[in-house]
PDB file of N, CA and C in Angstrom:
ATOM      1  N   MET A   1       0.844  -1.162   0.000  1.00  0.00           N
ATOM      2  CA  MET A   1       0.000   0.000   0.000  1.00  0.00           C
ATOM      3  C   MET A   1       0.898   1.236   0.000  1.00  0.00           C
ATOM      4  N   ALA A   2       0.781   2.079  -1.005  1.00  0.00           N
ATOM      5  CA  ALA A   2       1.611   3.270  -1.133  1.00  0.00           C
ATOM      6  C   ALA A   2       0.742   4.503  -0.955  1.00  0.00           C
ATOM      7  N   HIS A   3       1.203   5.395  -0.114  1.00  0.00           N
ATOM      8  CA  HIS A   3       0.501   6.663   0.124  1.00  0.00           C
ATOM      9  C   HIS A   3       1.382   7.797  -0.373  1.00  0.00           C
ATOM     10  N   ALA A   4       0.781   8.724  -1.067  1.00  0.00           N
ATOM     11  CA  ALA A   4       1.507   9.909  -1.507  1.00  0.00           C
ATOM     12  C   ALA A   4       1.342  10.982  -0.440  1.00  0.00           C
ATOM     13  N   ILE A   5       2.374  11.181   0.296  1.00  0.00           N
ATOM     14  CA  ILE A   5       2.357  12.190   1.356  1.00  0.00           C
ATOM     15  C   ILE A   5       3.278  13.322   0.933  1.00  0.00           C
ATOM     16  N   GLN A   6       2.725  14.506   0.886  1.00  0.00           N
ATOM     17  CA  GLN A   6       3.521  15.664   0.513  1.00  0.00           C
ATOM     18  C   GLN A   6       3.814  16.463   1.779  1.00  0.00           C
ATOM     19  N   ALA A   7       5.066  16.544   2.107  1.00  0.00           N
ATOM     20  CA  ALA A   7       5.455  17.272   3.315  1.00  0.00           C
ATOM     21  C   ALA A   7       5.495  18.766   3.017  1.00  0.00           C
ATOM     22  N   THR A   8       4.878  19.541   3.873  1.00  0.00           N
ATOM     23  CA  THR A   8       4.885  20.992   3.742  1.00  0.00           C
ATOM     24  C   THR A   8       5.450  21.563   5.029  1.00  0.00           C
ATOM     25  N   ASN A   9       6.496  22.330   4.874  1.00  0.00           N
ATOM     26  CA  ASN A   9       7.076  22.914   6.077  1.00  0.00           C
ATOM     27  C   ASN A   9       6.567  24.340   6.274  1.00  0.00           C
ATOM     28  N   LEU A  10       6.903  24.925   7.376  1.00  0.00           N
ATOM     29  CA  LEU A  10       6.422  26.257   7.742  1.00  0.00           C
ATOM     30  C   LEU A  10       6.855  27.310   6.729  1.00  0.00           C
ATOM     31  N   ALA A  11       8.056  27.178   6.191  1.00  0.00           N
ATOM     32  CA  ALA A  11       8.537  28.153   5.215  1.00  0.00           C
ATOM     33  C   ALA A  11       7.682  28.145   3.958  1.00  0.00           C
ATOM     34  N   ASP A  12       7.252  26.953   3.508  1.00  0.00           N
ATOM     35  CA  ASP A  12       6.390  26.869   2.329  1.00  0.00           C
ATOM     36  C   ASP A  12       5.036  27.510   2.592  1.00  0.00           C
ATOM     37  N   ILE A  13       4.483  27.262   3.761  1.00  0.00           N
ATOM     38  CA  ILE A  13       3.188  27.847   4.116  1.00  0.00           C
ATOM     39  C   ILE A  13       3.291  29.367   4.187  1.00  0.00           C
ATOM     40  N   LEU A  14       4.338  29.861   4.837  1.00  0.00           N
ATOM     41  CA  LEU A  14       4.532  31.302   4.953  1.00  0.00           C
ATOM     42  C   LEU A  14       4.743  31.941   3.587  1.00  0.00           C
ATOM     43  N   GLU A  15       5.503  31.289   2.727  1.00  0.00           N
ATOM     44  CA  GLU A  15       5.721  31.815   1.378  1.00  0.00           C
ATOM     45  C   GLU A  15       4.412  31.887   0.603  1.00  0.00           C
ATOM     46  N   SER A  16       3.591  30.878   0.741  1.00  0.00           N
ATOM     47  CA  SER A  16       2.297  30.866   0.057  1.00  0.00           C
ATOM     48  C   SER A  16       1.389  31.972   0.582  1.00  0.00           C
ATOM     49  N   ILE A  17       1.367  32.153   1.892  1.00  0.00           N
ATOM     50  CA  ILE A  17       0.531  33.207   2.485  1.00  0.00           C
ATOM     51  C   ILE A  17       1.001  34.575   2.032  1.00  0.00           C
ATOM     52  N   LEU A  18       2.313  34.805   2.054  1.00  0.00           N
ATOM     53  CA  LEU A  18       2.830  36.114   1.669  1.00  0.00           C
ATOM     54  C   LEU A  18       2.692  36.351   0.168  1.00  0.00           C
ATOM     55  N   ASP A  19       2.716  35.288  -0.621  1.00  0.00           N
ATOM     56  CA  ASP A  19       2.562  35.430  -2.062  1.00  0.00           C
ATOM     57  C   ASP A  19       1.126  35.763  -2.436  1.00  0.00           C
ATOM     58  N   LYS A  20       0.183  35.056  -1.863  1.00  0.00           N
ATOM     59  CA  LYS A  20      -1.227  35.253  -2.204  1.00  0.00           C
ATOM     60  C   LYS A  20      -1.927  36.187  -1.233  1.00  0.00           C
ATOM     61  N   GLY A  21      -1.473  36.221   0.006  1.00  0.00           N
ATOM     62  CA  GLY A  21      -2.122  37.023   1.031  1.00  0.00           C
ATOM     63  C   GLY A  21      -3.223  36.224   1.702  1.00  0.00           C
ATOM     64  N   ILE A  22      -3.575  36.647   2.868  1.00  0.00           N
ATOM     65  CA  ILE A  22      -4.657  35.994   3.601  1.00  0.00           C
ATOM     66  C   ILE A  22      -5.473  37.077   4.287  1.00  0.00           C
ATOM     67  N   VAL A  23      -6.764  36.933   4.245  1.00  0.00           N
ATOM     68  CA  VAL A  23      -7.649  37.889   4.889  1.00  0.00           C
ATOM     69  C   VAL A  23      -8.510  37.128   5.884  1.00  0.00           C
ATOM     70  N   ILE A  24      -8.531  37.611   7.075  1.00  0.00           N
ATOM     71  CA  ILE A  24      -9.403  37.059   8.107  1.00  0.00           C
ATOM     72  C   ILE A  24     -10.379  38.166   8.456  1.00  0.00           C
ATOM     73  N   ALA A  25     -11.640  37.934   8.195  1.00  0.00           N
ATOM     74  CA  ALA A  25     -12.644  38.966   8.446  1.00  0.00           C
ATOM     75  C   ALA A  25     -13.634  38.468   9.481  1.00  0.00           C
ATOM     76  N   GLY A  26     -13.991  39.307  10.365  1.00  0.00           N
ATOM     77  CA  GLY A  26     -14.949  38.952  11.397  1.00  0.00           C
ATOM     78  C   GLY A  26     -14.977  40.032  12.454  1.00  0.00           C
ATOM     79  N   ASP A  27     -15.862  39.906  13.385  1.00  0.00           N
ATOM     80  CA  ASP A  27     -15.972  40.860  14.479  1.00  0.00           C
ATOM     81  C   ASP A  27     -15.730  40.144  15.795  1.00  0.00           C
ATOM     82  N   ILE A  28     -14.768  40.621  16.514  1.00  0.00           N
ATOM     83  CA  ILE A  28     -14.500  40.111  17.853  1.00  0.00           C
ATOM     84  C   ILE A  28     -14.597  41.316  18.781  1.00  0.00           C
ATOM     85  N   LYS A  29     -15.479  41.252  19.737  1.00  0.00           N
ATOM     86  CA  LYS A  29     -15.650  42.363  20.672  1.00  0.00           C
ATOM     87  C   LYS A  29     -15.455  41.864  22.093  1.00  0.00           C
ATOM     88  N   ILE A  30     -14.752  42.666  22.862  1.00  0.00           N
ATOM     89  CA  ILE A  30     -14.601  42.400  24.285  1.00  0.00           C
ATOM     90  C   ILE A  30     -15.330  43.533  25.010  1.00  0.00           C
ATOM     91  N   GLN A  31     -16.358  43.165  25.755  1.00  0.00           N
ATOM     92  CA  GLN A  31     -17.190  44.155  26.432  1.00  0.00           C
ATOM     93  C   GLN A  31     -17.298  43.842  27.917  1.00  0.00           C
ATOM     94  N   ILE A  32     -17.408  44.897  28.679  1.00  0.00           N
ATOM     95  CA  ILE A  32     -17.741  44.774  30.096  1.00  0.00           C
ATOM     96  C   ILE A  32     -18.839  45.787  30.366  1.00  0.00           C
ATOM     97  N   ALA A  33     -19.972  45.305  30.837  1.00  0.00           N
ATOM     98  CA  ALA A  33     -21.130  46.166  31.157  1.00  0.00           C
ATOM     99  C   ALA A  33     -21.495  47.063  29.984  1.00  0.00           C
ATOM    100  N   ASP A  34     -21.626  46.482  28.820  1.00  0.00           N
ATOM    101  CA  ASP A  34     -22.009  47.186  27.588  1.00  0.00           C
ATOM    102  C   ASP A  34     -21.034  48.290  27.176  1.00  0.00           C
ATOM    103  N   ILE A  35     -19.791  48.203  27.607  1.00  0.00           N
ATOM    104  CA  ILE A  35     -18.754  49.152  27.198  1.00  0.00           C
ATOM    105  C   ILE A  35     -17.739  48.375  26.377  1.00  0.00           C
ATOM    106  N   ASP A  36     -17.558  48.789  25.114  1.00  0.00           N
ATOM    107  CA  ASP A  36     -16.600  48.121  24.251  1.00  0.00           C
ATOM    108  C   ASP A  36     -15.182  48.451  24.704  1.00  0.00           C
ATOM    109  N   LEU A  37     -14.434  47.429  25.052  1.00  0.00           N
ATOM    110  CA  LEU A  37     -13.034  47.623  25.424  1.00  0.00           C
ATOM    111  C   LEU A  37     -12.119  47.393  24.242  1.00  0.00           C
ATOM    112  N   LEU A  38     -12.470  46.431  23.395  1.00  0.00           N
ATOM    113  CA  LEU A  38     -11.622  46.084  22.266  1.00  0.00           C
ATOM    114  C   LEU A  38     -12.487  45.522  21.160  1.00  0.00           C
ATOM    115  N   THR A  39     -12.275  45.992  19.943  1.00  0.00           N
ATOM    116  CA  THR A  39     -12.967  45.456  18.777  1.00  0.00           C
ATOM    117  C   THR A  39     -11.936  45.182  17.697  1.00  0.00           C
ATOM    118  N   ILE A  40     -11.892  43.954  17.245  1.00  0.00           N
ATOM    119  CA  ILE A  40     -11.010  43.571  16.145  1.00  0.00           C
ATOM    120  C   ILE A  40     -11.908  43.234  14.974  1.00  0.00           C
ATOM    121  N   ILE A  41     -11.734  43.928  13.875  1.00  0.00           N
ATOM    122  CA  ILE A  41     -12.645  43.753  12.755  1.00  0.00           C
ATOM    123  C   ILE A  41     -12.014  42.935  11.634  1.00  0.00           C
ATOM    124  N   ARG A  42     -10.862  43.337  11.139  1.00  0.00           N
ATOM    125  CA  ARG A  42     -10.261  42.662   9.993  1.00  0.00           C
ATOM    126  C   ARG A  42      -8.755  42.556  10.170  1.00  0.00           C
ATOM    127  N   LEU A  43      -8.191  41.559   9.516  1.00  0.00           N
ATOM    128  CA  LEU A  43      -6.752  41.353   9.547  1.00  0.00           C
ATOM    129  C   LEU A  43      -6.317  40.924   8.160  1.00  0.00           C
ATOM    130  N   LEU A  44      -5.282  41.547   7.632  1.00  0.00           N
ATOM    131  CA  LEU A  44      -4.744  41.197   6.329  1.00  0.00           C
ATOM    132  C   LEU A  44      -3.262  40.939   6.488  1.00  0.00           C
ATOM    133  N   ILE A  45      -2.812  39.805   6.028  1.00  0.00           N
ATOM    134  CA  ILE A  45      -1.391  39.483   6.050  1.00  0.00           C
ATOM    135  C   ILE A  45      -0.967  39.261   4.608  1.00  0.00           C
ATOM    136  N   ALA A  46      -0.021  40.048   4.129  1.00  0.00           N
ATOM    137  CA  ALA A  46       0.446  39.931   2.750  1.00  0.00           C
ATOM    138  C   ALA A  46       1.867  40.472   2.670  1.00  0.00           C
ATOM    139  N   SER A  47       2.558  40.119   1.611  1.00  0.00           N
ATOM    140  CA  SER A  47       3.894  40.670   1.389  1.00  0.00           C
ATOM    141  C   SER A  47       3.751  42.120   0.936  1.00  0.00           C
ATOM    142  N   VAL A  48       4.838  42.847   0.965  1.00  0.00           N
ATOM    143  CA  VAL A  48       4.821  44.243   0.540  1.00  0.00           C
ATOM    144  C   VAL A  48       4.426  44.328  -0.928  1.00  0.00           C
ATOM    145  N   ASP A  49       4.997  43.473  -1.752  1.00  0.00           N
ATOM    146  CA  ASP A  49       4.670  43.489  -3.177  1.00  0.00           C
ATOM    147  C   ASP A  49       3.190  43.226  -3.412  1.00  0.00           C
ATOM    148  N   LYS A  50       2.644  42.241  -2.725  1.00  0.00           N
ATOM    149  CA  LYS A  50       1.225  41.908  -2.879  1.00  0.00           C
ATOM    150  C   LYS A  50       0.350  43.058  -2.385  1.00  0.00           C
ATOM    151  N   ALA A  51       0.737  43.677  -1.273  1.00  0.00           N
ATOM    152  CA  ALA A  51      -0.030  44.806  -0.748  1.00  0.00           C
ATOM    153  C   ALA A  51      -0.028  45.965  -1.752  1.00  0.00           C
ATOM    154  N   LEU A  52       1.122  46.219  -2.374  1.00  0.00           N
ATOM    155  CA  LEU A  52       1.187  47.283  -3.381  1.00  0.00           C
ATOM    156  C   LEU A  52       0.305  46.957  -4.581  1.00  0.00           C
ATOM    157  N   GLU A  53       0.264  45.678  -4.971  1.00  0.00           N
ATOM    158  CA  GLU A  53      -0.624  45.265  -6.059  1.00  0.00           C
ATOM    159  C   GLU A  53      -2.080  45.543  -5.714  1.00  0.00           C
ATOM    160  N   MET A  54      -2.429  45.392  -4.449  1.00  0.00           N
ATOM    161  CA  MET A  54      -3.800  45.605  -4.005  1.00  0.00           C
ATOM    162  C   MET A  54      -4.095  47.078  -3.743  1.00  0.00           C
ATOM    163  N   GLY A  55      -3.088  47.934  -3.863  1.00  0.00           N
ATOM    164  CA  GLY A  55      -3.292  49.361  -3.648  1.00  0.00           C
ATOM    165  C   GLY A  55      -3.151  49.785  -2.199  1.00  0.00           C
ATOM    166  N   ILE A  56      -2.549  48.937  -1.389  1.00  0.00           N
ATOM    167  CA  ILE A  56      -2.344  49.267   0.022  1.00  0.00           C
ATOM    168  C   ILE A  56      -0.903  49.750   0.167  1.00  0.00           C
ATOM    169  N   ASN A  57      -0.730  51.030   0.480  1.00  0.00           N
ATOM    170  CA  ASN A  57       0.626  51.581   0.611  1.00  0.00           C
ATOM    171  C   ASN A  57       0.699  52.684   1.658  1.00  0.00           C
ATOM    172  N   TRP A  58      -0.090  52.576   2.708  1.00  0.00           N
ATOM    173  CA  TRP A  58      -0.166  53.627   3.716  1.00  0.00           C
ATOM    174  C   TRP A  58       1.168  53.891   4.386  1.00  0.00           C
ATOM    175  N   TRP A  59       2.035  52.913   4.476  1.00  0.00           N
ATOM    176  CA  TRP A  59       3.315  53.101   5.160  1.00  0.00           C
ATOM    177  C   TRP A  59       4.246  54.017   4.382  1.00  0.00           C
ATOM    178  N   GLN A  60       4.002  54.204   3.090  1.00  0.00           N
ATOM    179  CA  GLN A  60       4.864  55.075   2.293  1.00  0.00           C
ATOM    180  C   GLN A  60       4.597  56.541   2.570  1.00  0.00           C
ATOM    181  N   GLN A  61       3.386  56.874   3.015  1.00  0.00           N
ATOM    182  CA  GLN A  61       3.056  58.261   3.316  1.00  0.00           C
ATOM    183  C   GLN A  61       3.112  58.565   4.804  1.00  0.00           C
ATOM    184  N   ASP A  62       3.283  57.569   5.631  1.00  0.00           N
ATOM    185  CA  ASP A  62       3.294  57.778   7.079  1.00  0.00           C
ATOM    186  C   ASP A  62       4.645  58.339   7.506  1.00  0.00           C
ATOM    187  N   SER A  63       4.657  59.587   7.944  1.00  0.00           N
ATOM    188  CA  SER A  63       5.917  60.253   8.280  1.00  0.00           C
ATOM    189  C   SER A  63       6.596  59.638   9.498  1.00  0.00           C
ATOM    190  N   TYR A  64       5.852  58.952  10.337  1.00  0.00           N
ATOM    191  CA  TYR A  64       6.446  58.370  11.531  1.00  0.00           C
ATOM    192  C   TYR A  64       7.143  57.052  11.249  1.00  0.00           C
ATOM    193  N   LEU A  65       6.942  56.499  10.068  1.00  0.00           N
ATOM    194  CA  LEU A  65       7.582  55.236   9.716  1.00  0.00           C
ATOM    195  C   LEU A  65       8.808  55.425   8.832  1.00  0.00           C
ATOM    196  N   THR A  66       9.012  56.619   8.322  1.00  0.00           N
ATOM    197  CA  THR A  66      10.135  56.890   7.444  1.00  0.00           C
ATOM    198  C   THR A  66      10.977  57.989   8.065  1.00  0.00           C
ATOM    199  N   ALA A  67      12.215  57.659   8.391  1.00  0.00           N
ATOM    200  CA  ALA A  67      13.081  58.619   9.083  1.00  0.00           C
ATOM    201  C   ALA A  67      13.335  59.853   8.234  1.00  0.00           C
ATOM    202  N   ASN A  68      13.604  59.689   6.951  1.00  0.00           N
ATOM    203  CA  ASN A  68      13.899  60.841   6.096  1.00  0.00           C
ATOM    204  C   ASN A  68      12.702  61.775   5.999  1.00  0.00           C
ATOM    205  N   ARG A  69      11.531  61.223   5.818  1.00  0.00           N
ATOM    206  CA  ARG A  69      10.339  62.062   5.720  1.00  0.00           C
ATOM    207  C   ARG A  69      10.060  62.750   7.035  1.00  0.00           C
ATOM    208  N   LYS A  70      10.293  62.061   8.137  1.00  0.00           N
ATOM    209  CA  LYS A  70      10.039  62.656   9.448  1.00  0.00           C
ATOM    210  C   LYS A  70      10.958  63.850   9.659  1.00  0.00           C
ATOM    211  N   GLU A  71      12.235  63.704   9.291  1.00  0.00           N
ATOM    212  CA  GLU A  71      13.160  64.824   9.441  1.00  0.00           C
ATOM    213  C   GLU A  71      12.734  65.983   8.552  1.00  0.00           C
ATOM    214  N   THR A  72      12.294  65.694   7.360  1.00  0.00           N
ATOM    215  CA  THR A  72      11.870  66.737   6.446  1.00  0.00           C
ATOM    216  C   THR A  72      10.672  67.489   7.010  1.00  0.00           C
ATOM    217  N   ILE A  73       9.726  66.790   7.568  1.00  0.00           N
ATOM    218  CA  ILE A  73       8.542  67.435   8.152  1.00  0.00           C
ATOM    219  C   ILE A  73       8.944  68.298   9.337  1.00  0.00           C
ATOM    220  N   VAL A  74       9.819  67.794  10.193  1.00  0.00           N
ATOM    221  CA  VAL A  74      10.269  68.566  11.348  1.00  0.00           C
ATOM    222  C   VAL A  74      11.023  69.807  10.892  1.00  0.00           C
ATOM    223  N   GLU A  75      11.862  69.650   9.874  1.00  0.00           N
ATOM    224  CA  GLU A  75      12.601  70.811   9.365  1.00  0.00           C
ATOM    225  C   GLU A  75      11.652  71.861   8.798  1.00  0.00           C
ATOM    226  N   LYS A  76      10.615  71.418   8.073  1.00  0.00           N
ATOM    227  CA  LYS A  76       9.636  72.361   7.517  1.00  0.00           C
ATOM    228  C   LYS A  76       8.882  73.071   8.633  1.00  0.00           C
ATOM    229  N   GLU A  77       8.464  72.320   9.651  1.00  0.00           N
ATOM    230  CA  GLU A  77       7.763  72.932  10.777  1.00  0.00           C
ATOM    231  C   GLU A  77       8.651  73.944  11.486  1.00  0.00           C
ATOM    232  N   ASN A  78       9.934  73.616  11.667  1.00  0.00           N
ATOM    233  CA  ASN A  78      10.867  74.548  12.308  1.00  0.00           C
ATOM    234  C   ASN A  78      11.025  75.825  11.490  1.00  0.00           C
ATOM    235  N   ALA A  79      11.122  75.698  10.174  1.00  0.00           N
ATOM    236  CA  ALA A  79      11.267  76.876   9.317  1.00  0.00           C
ATOM    237  C   ALA A  79      10.038  77.772   9.414  1.00  0.00           C
ATOM    238  N   VAL A  80       8.852  77.170   9.425  1.00  0.00           N
ATOM    239  CA  VAL A  80       7.614  77.955   9.552  1.00  0.00           C
ATOM    240  C   VAL A  80       7.583  78.677  10.893  1.00  0.00           C
ATOM    241  N   LEU A  81       7.936  77.980  11.955  1.00  0.00           N
ATOM    242  CA  LEU A  81       7.930  78.602  13.285  1.00  0.00           C
ATOM    243  C   LEU A  81       8.954  79.723  13.394  1.00  0.00           C
ATOM    244  N   LYS A  82      10.127  79.541  12.804  1.00  0.00           N
ATOM    245  CA  LYS A  82      11.151  80.593  12.825  1.00  0.00           C
ATOM    246  C   LYS A  82      10.660  81.843  12.092  1.00  0.00           C
ATOM    247  N   ARG A  83       9.988  81.649  10.936  1.00  0.00           N
ATOM    248  CA  ARG A  83       9.457  82.814  10.213  1.00  0.00           C
ATOM    249  C   ARG A  83       8.414  83.544  11.047  1.00  0.00           C
ATOM    250  N   LYS A  84       7.557  82.801  11.726  1.00  0.00           N
ATOM    251  CA  LYS A  84       6.535  83.428  12.575  1.00  0.00           C
ATOM    252  C   LYS A  84       7.174  84.203  13.714  1.00  0.00           C
ATOM    253  N   ILE A  85       8.197  83.627  14.333  1.00  0.00           N
ATOM    254  CA  ILE A  85       8.891  84.321  15.432  1.00  0.00           C
ATOM    255  C   ILE A  85       9.532  85.599  14.926  1.00  0.00           C
ATOM    256  N   ASN A  86      10.173  85.535  13.755  1.00  0.00           N
ATOM    257  CA  ASN A  86      10.798  86.740  13.191  1.00  0.00           C
ATOM    258  C   ASN A  86       9.770  87.824  12.913  1.00  0.00           C
ATOM    259  N   ARG A  87       8.610  87.439  12.364  1.00  0.00           N
ATOM    260  CA  ARG A  87       7.557  88.419  12.102  1.00  0.00           C
ATOM    261  C   ARG A  87       7.075  89.067  13.394  1.00  0.00           C
ATOM    262  N   LEU A  88       6.870  88.248  14.424  1.00  0.00           N
ATOM    263  CA  LEU A  88       6.415  88.783  15.712  1.00  0.00           C
ATOM    264  C   LEU A  88       7.461  89.708  16.326  1.00  0.00           C
ATOM    265  N   GLU A  89       8.734  89.324  16.255  1.00  0.00           N
ATOM    266  CA  GLU A  89       9.798  90.168  16.807  1.00  0.00           C
ATOM    267  C   GLU A  89       9.893  91.474  16.049  1.00  0.00           C
ATOM    268  N   ASN A  90       9.772  91.429  14.717  1.00  0.00           N
ATOM    269  CA  ASN A  90       9.839  92.657  13.917  1.00  0.00           C
ATOM    270  C   ASN A  90       8.654  93.567  14.209  1.00  0.00           C
ATOM    271  N   ALA A  91       7.469  92.968  14.336  1.00  0.00           N
ATOM    272  CA  ALA A  91       6.286  93.772  14.648  1.00  0.00           C
ATOM    273  C   ALA A  91       6.421  94.409  16.017  1.00  0.00           C
ATOM    274  N   ASN A  92       6.955  93.681  16.980  1.00  0.00           N
ATOM    275  CA  ASN A  92       7.146  94.196  18.324  1.00  0.00           C
ATOM    276  C   ASN A  92       8.176  95.324  18.334  1.00  0.00           C
ATOM    277  N   ALA A  93       9.256  95.160  17.582  1.00  0.00           N
ATOM    278  CA  ALA A  93      10.298  96.196  17.523  1.00  0.00           C
ATOM    279  C   ALA A  93       9.766  97.465  16.874  1.00  0.00           C
ATOM    280  N   SER A  94       9.001  97.322  15.796  1.00  0.00           N
ATOM    281  CA  SER A  94       8.474  98.538  15.151  1.00  0.00           C
ATOM    282  C   SER A  94       7.428  99.215  16.028  1.00  0.00           C
ATOM    283  N   ARG A  95       6.658  98.474  16.794  1.00  0.00           N
ATOM    284  CA  ARG A  95       5.694  99.060  17.715  1.00  0.00           C
ATOM    285  C   ARG A  95       6.425  99.839  18.811  1.00  0.00           C
ATOM    286  N   ARG A  96       7.532  99.281  19.307  1.00  0.00           N
ATOM    287  CA  ARG A  96       8.316  99.999  20.327  1.00  0.00           C
ATOM    288  C   ARG A  96       8.882 101.302  19.777  1.00  0.00           C
ATOM    289  N   ARG A  97       9.367 101.258  18.512  1.00  0.00           N
ATOM    290  CA  ARG A  97       9.899 102.478  17.901  1.00  0.00           C
ATOM    291  C   ARG A  97       8.802 103.530  17.763  1.00  0.00           C
ATOM    292  N   GLN A  98       7.608 103.100  17.377  1.00  0.00           N
ATOM    293  CA  GLN A  98       6.470 104.030  17.247  1.00  0.00           C
ATOM    294  C   GLN A  98       6.124 104.624  18.599  1.00  0.00           C
ATOM    295  N   GLU A  99       6.112 103.815  19.633  1.00  0.00           N
ATOM    296  CA  GLU A  99       5.780 104.306  20.975  1.00  0.00           C
ATOM    297  C   GLU A  99       6.832 105.293  21.441  1.00  0.00           C
ATOM    298  N   LYS A 100       8.100 105.025  21.128  1.00  0.00           N
ATOM    299  CA  LYS A 100       9.185 105.908  21.547  1.00  0.00           C
ATOM    300  C   LYS A 100       9.085 107.250  20.843  1.00  0.00           C
ATOM    301  N   ILE A 101       8.717 107.214  19.547  1.00  0.00           N
ATOM    302  CA  ILE A 101       8.582 108.464  18.767  1.00  0.00           C
ATOM    303  C   ILE A 101       7.405 109.290  19.287  1.00  0.00           C
ATOM    304  N   THR A 102       6.307 108.649  19.615  1.00  0.00           N
ATOM    305  CA  THR A 102       5.127 109.389  20.055  1.00  0.00           C
ATOM    306  C   THR A 102       5.290 109.952  21.470  1.00  0.00           C
ATOM    307  N   THR A 103       6.127 109.335  22.275  1.00  0.00           N
ATOM    308  CA  THR A 103       6.335 109.847  23.634  1.00  0.00           C
ATOM    309  C   THR A 103       7.344 110.974  23.672  1.00  0.00           C
ATOM    310  N   GLN A 104       8.103 111.173  22.612  1.00  0.00           N
ATOM    311  CA  GLN A 104       9.114 112.241  22.617  1.00  0.00           C
ATOM    312  C   GLN A 104       8.557 113.537  22.244  1.00  0.00           C
TER     313      GLN A 104
END
């Protein structure tokens, strides 16, 4: 009696999941006294390439996940704040000059 047994190891299963992707959909809620503490709705596991094929690319725009983009955003925010401070200081200095002229 001969049986055809095909051995599948964890690496093959993981490769298949990452190649095709897997979606687990459902609602799991943890409640105490009608107060939702935790709700898990959907889970998607896929490779980066597969996710890009599906149009999922949120990590590319997330500034907190990319060091270069995060630095760029911080630098832009700093430049804006510096310009605002300079405007306020200039306005304050010209107001002082006006007050000094009017009191003389």
